[in-house]
PDB file of N, CA and C in Angstrom:
ATOM      1  N   MET A   1       4.855   5.299 -33.387  1.00  0.00           N
ATOM      2  CA  MET A   1       5.048   5.275 -31.534  1.00  0.00           C
ATOM      3  C   MET A   1       4.381   6.148 -31.215  1.00  0.00           C
ATOM      4  N   ASN A   2       3.247   5.426 -30.218  1.00  0.00           N
ATOM      5  CA  ASN A   2       2.541   6.478 -29.465  1.00  0.00           C
ATOM      6  C   ASN A   2       2.871   6.883 -27.884  1.00  0.00           C
ATOM      7  N   ILE A   3       2.632   8.139 -27.545  1.00  0.00           N
ATOM      8  CA  ILE A   3       2.980   7.765 -26.130  1.00  0.00           C
ATOM      9  C   ILE A   3       1.832   8.507 -25.383  1.00  0.00           C
ATOM     10  N   THR A   4       1.439   8.342 -24.252  1.00  0.00           N
ATOM     11  CA  THR A   4       0.650   8.388 -23.103  1.00  0.00           C
ATOM     12  C   THR A   4       0.384   9.461 -22.969  1.00  0.00           C
ATOM     13  N   LEU A   5      -0.006  10.453 -22.336  1.00  0.00           N
ATOM     14  CA  LEU A   5       0.002  12.245 -21.444  1.00  0.00           C
ATOM     15  C   LEU A   5       1.049  12.198 -20.796  1.00  0.00           C
ATOM     16  N   ARG A   6       0.886  11.021 -19.690  1.00  0.00           N
ATOM     17  CA  ARG A   6       1.463  10.532 -18.783  1.00  0.00           C
ATOM     18  C   ARG A   6       2.798  10.792 -18.997  1.00  0.00           C
ATOM     19  N   GLN A   7       3.447   9.963 -19.734  1.00  0.00           N
ATOM     20  CA  GLN A   7       4.555   9.870 -20.401  1.00  0.00           C
ATOM     21  C   GLN A   7       5.180  11.069 -20.917  1.00  0.00           C
ATOM     22  N   ALA A   8       4.298  12.103 -22.149  1.00  0.00           N
ATOM     23  CA  ALA A   8       4.770  13.261 -22.108  1.00  0.00           C
ATOM     24  C   ALA A   8       5.032  14.427 -21.841  1.00  0.00           C
ATOM     25  N   ILE A   9       4.175  13.656 -20.712  1.00  0.00           N
ATOM     26  CA  ILE A   9       4.674  15.007 -19.356  1.00  0.00           C
ATOM     27  C   ILE A   9       5.741  14.816 -18.570  1.00  0.00           C
ATOM     28  N   LEU A  10       6.124  13.472 -18.299  1.00  0.00           N
ATOM     29  CA  LEU A  10       7.572  12.692 -17.460  1.00  0.00           C
ATOM     30  C   LEU A  10       8.920  13.204 -18.156  1.00  0.00           C
ATOM     31  N   GLN A  11       8.493  13.090 -19.808  1.00  0.00           N
ATOM     32  CA  GLN A  11       9.296  13.058 -20.698  1.00  0.00           C
ATOM     33  C   GLN A  11       9.743  15.040 -20.288  1.00  0.00           C
ATOM     34  N   ARG A  12       8.631  15.238 -20.802  1.00  0.00           N
ATOM     35  CA  ARG A  12       9.072  16.648 -20.260  1.00  0.00           C
ATOM     36  C   ARG A  12       9.587  17.381 -19.234  1.00  0.00           C
ATOM     37  N   VAL A  13       9.424  16.985 -17.842  1.00  0.00           N
ATOM     38  CA  VAL A  13      10.362  17.331 -16.702  1.00  0.00           C
ATOM     39  C   VAL A  13      11.299  16.629 -16.377  1.00  0.00           C
ATOM     40  N   ASN A  14      11.974  15.411 -17.132  1.00  0.00           N
ATOM     41  CA  ASN A  14      12.690  14.542 -16.410  1.00  0.00           C
ATOM     42  C   ASN A  14      14.401  15.478 -16.813  1.00  0.00           C
ATOM     43  N   ASN A  15      15.087  15.116 -16.333  1.00  0.00           N
ATOM     44  CA  ASN A  15      16.456  15.912 -16.085  1.00  0.00           C
ATOM     45  C   ASN A  15      16.311  17.839 -16.066  1.00  0.00           C
ATOM     46  N   LYS A  16      15.172  17.784 -14.818  1.00  0.00           N
ATOM     47  CA  LYS A  16      15.031  19.262 -14.969  1.00  0.00           C
ATOM     48  C   LYS A  16      15.761  19.345 -13.463  1.00  0.00           C
ATOM     49  N   THR A  17      16.175  21.062 -13.332  1.00  0.00           N
ATOM     50  CA  THR A  17      16.801  20.937 -12.323  1.00  0.00           C
ATOM     51  C   THR A  17      15.568  20.980 -10.853  1.00  0.00           C
ATOM     52  N   ASN A  18      16.095  21.436  -9.811  1.00  0.00           N
ATOM     53  CA  ASN A  18      14.647  21.527  -8.939  1.00  0.00           C
ATOM     54  C   ASN A  18      14.156  22.661  -9.238  1.00  0.00           C
ATOM     55  N   GLU A  19      15.211  23.634  -9.444  1.00  0.00           N
ATOM     56  CA  GLU A  19      14.396  25.087  -9.440  1.00  0.00           C
ATOM     57  C   GLU A  19      13.095  25.232 -10.906  1.00  0.00           C
ATOM     58  N   GLU A  20      13.940  24.707 -11.727  1.00  0.00           N
ATOM     59  CA  GLU A  20      13.468  23.900 -13.111  1.00  0.00           C
ATOM     60  C   GLU A  20      11.760  23.757 -13.160  1.00  0.00           C
ATOM     61  N   LEU A  21      12.047  23.036 -12.070  1.00  0.00           N
ATOM     62  CA  LEU A  21      10.728  21.778 -11.287  1.00  0.00           C
ATOM     63  C   LEU A  21       9.370  22.990 -10.559  1.00  0.00           C
ATOM     64  N   LYS A  22       9.996  23.640  -9.857  1.00  0.00           N
ATOM     65  CA  LYS A  22       9.398  24.673  -9.068  1.00  0.00           C
ATOM     66  C   LYS A  22       9.003  25.923 -10.062  1.00  0.00           C
ATOM     67  N   GLU A  23       9.291  26.328 -11.126  1.00  0.00           N
ATOM     68  CA  GLU A  23       9.673  26.751 -11.461  1.00  0.00           C
ATOM     69  C   GLU A  23       8.130  26.249 -12.968  1.00  0.00           C
ATOM     70  N   ILE A  24       8.128  25.117 -13.427  1.00  0.00           N
ATOM     71  CA  ILE A  24       7.302  24.419 -13.907  1.00  0.00           C
ATOM     72  C   ILE A  24       5.524  24.875 -13.180  1.00  0.00           C
ATOM     73  N   ILE A  25       6.039  24.000 -11.945  1.00  0.00           N
ATOM     74  CA  ILE A  25       4.721  23.711 -11.032  1.00  0.00           C
ATOM     75  C   ILE A  25       4.203  25.341 -11.031  1.00  0.00           C
ATOM     76  N   GLU A  26       4.804  26.530 -10.460  1.00  0.00           N
ATOM     77  CA  GLU A  26       4.114  27.530 -10.204  1.00  0.00           C
ATOM     78  C   GLU A  26       3.885  28.537 -10.988  1.00  0.00           C
ATOM     79  N   ASP A  27       4.132  27.603 -12.584  1.00  0.00           N
ATOM     80  CA  ASP A  27       3.881  28.358 -14.168  1.00  0.00           C
ATOM     81  C   ASP A  27       2.278  27.926 -14.144  1.00  0.00           C
ATOM     82  N   SER A  28       2.278  26.882 -13.729  1.00  0.00           N
ATOM     83  CA  SER A  28       1.001  25.663 -13.830  1.00  0.00           C
ATOM     84  C   SER A  28      -0.365  26.144 -13.044  1.00  0.00           C
ATOM     85  N   ILE A  29       0.122  26.260 -11.838  1.00  0.00           N
ATOM     86  CA  ILE A  29      -0.604  26.739 -10.752  1.00  0.00           C
ATOM     87  C   ILE A  29      -1.283  27.692 -10.871  1.00  0.00           C
ATOM     88  N   GLY A  30      -2.751  28.020 -11.095  1.00  0.00           N
ATOM     89  CA  GLY A  30      -3.818  29.096 -11.363  1.00  0.00           C
ATOM     90  C   GLY A  30      -3.943  29.380 -12.912  1.00  0.00           C
ATOM     91  N   GLY A  31      -2.984  28.667 -13.683  1.00  0.00           N
ATOM     92  CA  GLY A  31      -3.242  29.051 -15.239  1.00  0.00           C
ATOM     93  C   GLY A  31      -3.928  28.138 -15.879  1.00  0.00           C
ATOM     94  N   GLU A  32      -3.608  27.326 -16.977  1.00  0.00           N
ATOM     95  CA  GLU A  32      -4.892  27.186 -18.800  1.00  0.00           C
ATOM     96  C   GLU A  32      -5.317  25.841 -17.503  1.00  0.00           C
ATOM     97  N   GLU A  33      -6.755  24.994 -17.581  1.00  0.00           N
ATOM     98  CA  GLU A  33      -6.696  24.302 -17.033  1.00  0.00           C
ATOM     99  C   GLU A  33      -6.299  22.970 -18.082  1.00  0.00           C
ATOM    100  N   LYS A  34      -6.148  23.443 -19.318  1.00  0.00           N
ATOM    101  CA  LYS A  34      -5.151  22.131 -19.691  1.00  0.00           C
ATOM    102  C   LYS A  34      -3.899  21.739 -19.462  1.00  0.00           C
ATOM    103  N   VAL A  35      -3.667  22.513 -17.939  1.00  0.00           N
ATOM    104  CA  VAL A  35      -1.646  22.362 -17.114  1.00  0.00           C
ATOM    105  C   VAL A  35      -2.452  21.255 -16.397  1.00  0.00           C
ATOM    106  N   LEU A  36      -3.829  20.871 -16.408  1.00  0.00           N
ATOM    107  CA  LEU A  36      -3.923  20.108 -15.102  1.00  0.00           C
ATOM    108  C   LEU A  36      -3.988  18.580 -15.056  1.00  0.00           C
ATOM    109  N   PRO A  37      -3.696  18.087 -15.611  1.00  0.00           N
ATOM    110  CA  PRO A  37      -3.209  16.925 -16.239  1.00  0.00           C
ATOM    111  C   PRO A  37      -2.195  16.617 -16.084  1.00  0.00           C
ATOM    112  N   GLY A  38      -1.030  17.510 -16.301  1.00  0.00           N
ATOM    113  CA  GLY A  38       0.485  17.913 -15.669  1.00  0.00           C
ATOM    114  C   GLY A  38       0.759  17.957 -14.586  1.00  0.00           C
ATOM    115  N   LEU A  39      -0.103  18.572 -13.892  1.00  0.00           N
ATOM    116  CA  LEU A  39      -0.360  18.648 -12.113  1.00  0.00           C
ATOM    117  C   LEU A  39      -0.431  17.624 -11.406  1.00  0.00           C
ATOM    118  N   GLY A  40      -1.546  17.113 -12.028  1.00  0.00           N
ATOM    119  CA  GLY A  40      -1.678  15.646 -11.364  1.00  0.00           C
ATOM    120  C   GLY A  40      -1.302  14.507 -12.015  1.00  0.00           C
ATOM    121  N   VAL A  41       0.032  14.218 -12.734  1.00  0.00           N
ATOM    122  CA  VAL A  41       1.230  13.217 -12.715  1.00  0.00           C
ATOM    123  C   VAL A  41       2.186  13.488 -11.472  1.00  0.00           C
ATOM    124  N   LEU A  42       2.383  15.566 -11.450  1.00  0.00           N
ATOM    125  CA  LEU A  42       3.447  15.282 -10.893  1.00  0.00           C
ATOM    126  C   LEU A  42       2.791  15.109  -9.342  1.00  0.00           C
ATOM    127  N   PHE A  43       1.758  15.415  -9.194  1.00  0.00           N
ATOM    128  CA  PHE A  43       1.134  14.594  -7.478  1.00  0.00           C
ATOM    129  C   PHE A  43       1.413  13.533  -7.482  1.00  0.00           C
ATOM    130  N   GLU A  44       0.526  13.116  -8.443  1.00  0.00           N
ATOM    131  CA  GLU A  44       0.862  11.332  -7.888  1.00  0.00           C
ATOM    132  C   GLU A  44       2.660  10.688  -7.850  1.00  0.00           C
ATOM    133  N   ILE A  45       3.676  11.369  -8.512  1.00  0.00           N
ATOM    134  CA  ILE A  45       4.536  10.632  -8.481  1.00  0.00           C
ATOM    135  C   ILE A  45       5.197  10.885  -7.085  1.00  0.00           C
ATOM    136  N   ILE A  46       4.265  12.699  -5.935  1.00  0.00           N
ATOM    137  CA  ILE A  46       4.988  13.166  -5.300  1.00  0.00           C
ATOM    138  C   ILE A  46       4.344  11.995  -4.008  1.00  0.00           C
ATOM    139  N   TRP A  47       2.731  11.646  -4.160  1.00  0.00           N
ATOM    140  CA  TRP A  47       2.282  10.923  -3.181  1.00  0.00           C
ATOM    141  C   TRP A  47       2.475   9.623  -3.323  1.00  0.00           C
ATOM    142  N   GLN A  48       3.151   8.808  -4.214  1.00  0.00           N
ATOM    143  CA  GLN A  48       3.528   7.629  -4.188  1.00  0.00           C
ATOM    144  C   GLN A  48       4.864   7.067  -3.953  1.00  0.00           C
ATOM    145  N   HIS A  49       5.576   8.557  -3.450  1.00  0.00           N
ATOM    146  CA  HIS A  49       6.881   8.208  -2.467  1.00  0.00           C
ATOM    147  C   HIS A  49       6.907   9.449  -1.286  1.00  0.00           C
ATOM    148  N   SER A  50       6.037   9.066  -0.622  1.00  0.00           N
ATOM    149  CA  SER A  50       6.293  10.076   0.547  1.00  0.00           C
ATOM    150  C   SER A  50       5.378   9.162   1.338  1.00  0.00           C
ATOM    151  N   GLU A  51       5.952   9.327   2.835  1.00  0.00           N
ATOM    152  CA  GLU A  51       5.650   8.787   3.461  1.00  0.00           C
ATOM    153  C   GLU A  51       4.028   9.002   4.068  1.00  0.00           C
ATOM    154  N   ALA A  52       3.573   8.229   4.689  1.00  0.00           N
ATOM    155  CA  ALA A  52       1.734   8.071   5.641  1.00  0.00           C
ATOM    156  C   ALA A  52       2.064   9.420   6.164  1.00  0.00           C
ATOM    157  N   SER A  53       2.829   9.573   6.558  1.00  0.00           N
ATOM    158  CA  SER A  53       2.823  11.144   6.927  1.00  0.00           C
ATOM    159  C   SER A  53       2.999  12.867   6.548  1.00  0.00           C
ATOM    160  N   THR A  54       3.671  12.607   5.503  1.00  0.00           N
ATOM    161  CA  THR A  54       3.548  13.308   4.683  1.00  0.00           C
ATOM    162  C   THR A  54       2.350  13.689   3.891  1.00  0.00           C
ATOM    163  N   GLN A  55       1.711  12.342   3.611  1.00  0.00           N
ATOM    164  CA  GLN A  55       0.490  12.363   3.259  1.00  0.00           C
ATOM    165  C   GLN A  55      -0.603  13.041   4.000  1.00  0.00           C
ATOM    166  N   ASP A  56      -0.718  12.590   5.189  1.00  0.00           N
ATOM    167  CA  ASP A  56      -1.000  13.014   6.382  1.00  0.00           C
ATOM    168  C   ASP A  56      -1.575  14.685   6.120  1.00  0.00           C
ATOM    169  N   THR A  57      -0.088  15.222   5.941  1.00  0.00           N
ATOM    170  CA  THR A  57       0.157  16.725   6.017  1.00  0.00           C
ATOM    171  C   THR A  57      -0.817  17.321   5.080  1.00  0.00           C
ATOM    172  N   LEU A  58      -0.114  16.473   3.536  1.00  0.00           N
ATOM    173  CA  LEU A  58      -0.754  16.803   2.017  1.00  0.00           C
ATOM    174  C   LEU A  58      -2.879  16.764   2.266  1.00  0.00           C
ATOM    175  N   VAL A  59      -3.372  16.183   2.917  1.00  0.00           N
ATOM    176  CA  VAL A  59      -4.659  15.886   2.754  1.00  0.00           C
ATOM    177  C   VAL A  59      -5.064  16.703   4.052  1.00  0.00           C
ATOM    178  N   ALA A  60      -4.414  17.294   5.114  1.00  0.00           N
ATOM    179  CA  ALA A  60      -4.954  18.283   6.138  1.00  0.00           C
ATOM    180  C   ALA A  60      -4.531  19.494   5.571  1.00  0.00           C
ATOM    181  N   THR A  61      -3.786  19.768   4.816  1.00  0.00           N
ATOM    182  CA  THR A  61      -3.523  20.819   3.966  1.00  0.00           C
ATOM    183  C   THR A  61      -4.537  21.229   2.988  1.00  0.00           C
ATOM    184  N   LEU A  62      -5.389  20.127   1.785  1.00  0.00           N
ATOM    185  CA  LEU A  62      -5.951  19.951   1.213  1.00  0.00           C
ATOM    186  C   LEU A  62      -7.489  20.585   1.809  1.00  0.00           C
ATOM    187  N   LYS A  63      -7.692  19.678   3.123  1.00  0.00           N
ATOM    188  CA  LYS A  63      -8.812  20.214   3.518  1.00  0.00           C
ATOM    189  C   LYS A  63      -9.133  21.101   4.467  1.00  0.00           C
ATOM    190  N   ALA A  64      -8.230  22.016   4.993  1.00  0.00           N
ATOM    191  CA  ALA A  64      -8.294  22.862   5.202  1.00  0.00           C
ATOM    192  C   ALA A  64      -8.635  24.212   4.431  1.00  0.00           C
ATOM    193  N   GLN A  65      -8.370  24.108   3.073  1.00  0.00           N
ATOM    194  CA  GLN A  65      -8.021  25.277   2.119  1.00  0.00           C
ATOM    195  C   GLN A  65      -9.537  24.737   1.544  1.00  0.00           C
ATOM    196  N   LEU A  66     -10.300  24.094   1.930  1.00  0.00           N
ATOM    197  CA  LEU A  66     -11.388  23.194   1.025  1.00  0.00           C
ATOM    198  C   LEU A  66     -12.708  23.751   2.469  1.00  0.00           C
ATOM    199  N   GLU A  67     -12.573  23.967   3.145  1.00  0.00           N
ATOM    200  CA  GLU A  67     -13.452  24.548   4.241  1.00  0.00           C
ATOM    201  C   GLU A  67     -13.900  26.152   4.342  1.00  0.00           C
TER     202      GLU A  67
END
């Protein structure tokens, strides 16, 4: 059975509590570059299930930090 990186990441976070998910994210931020794809998958889920106003806020936050 071949699973994709996305599927492996989703399996790792499946059935985690809110606190466990927060810990996974916080531990990944600023860590090794190998965790960046995992953060990307998590961000993809957040983005796909966020309202347009939340997406606008995320983009504005990102833009402000890049300036």
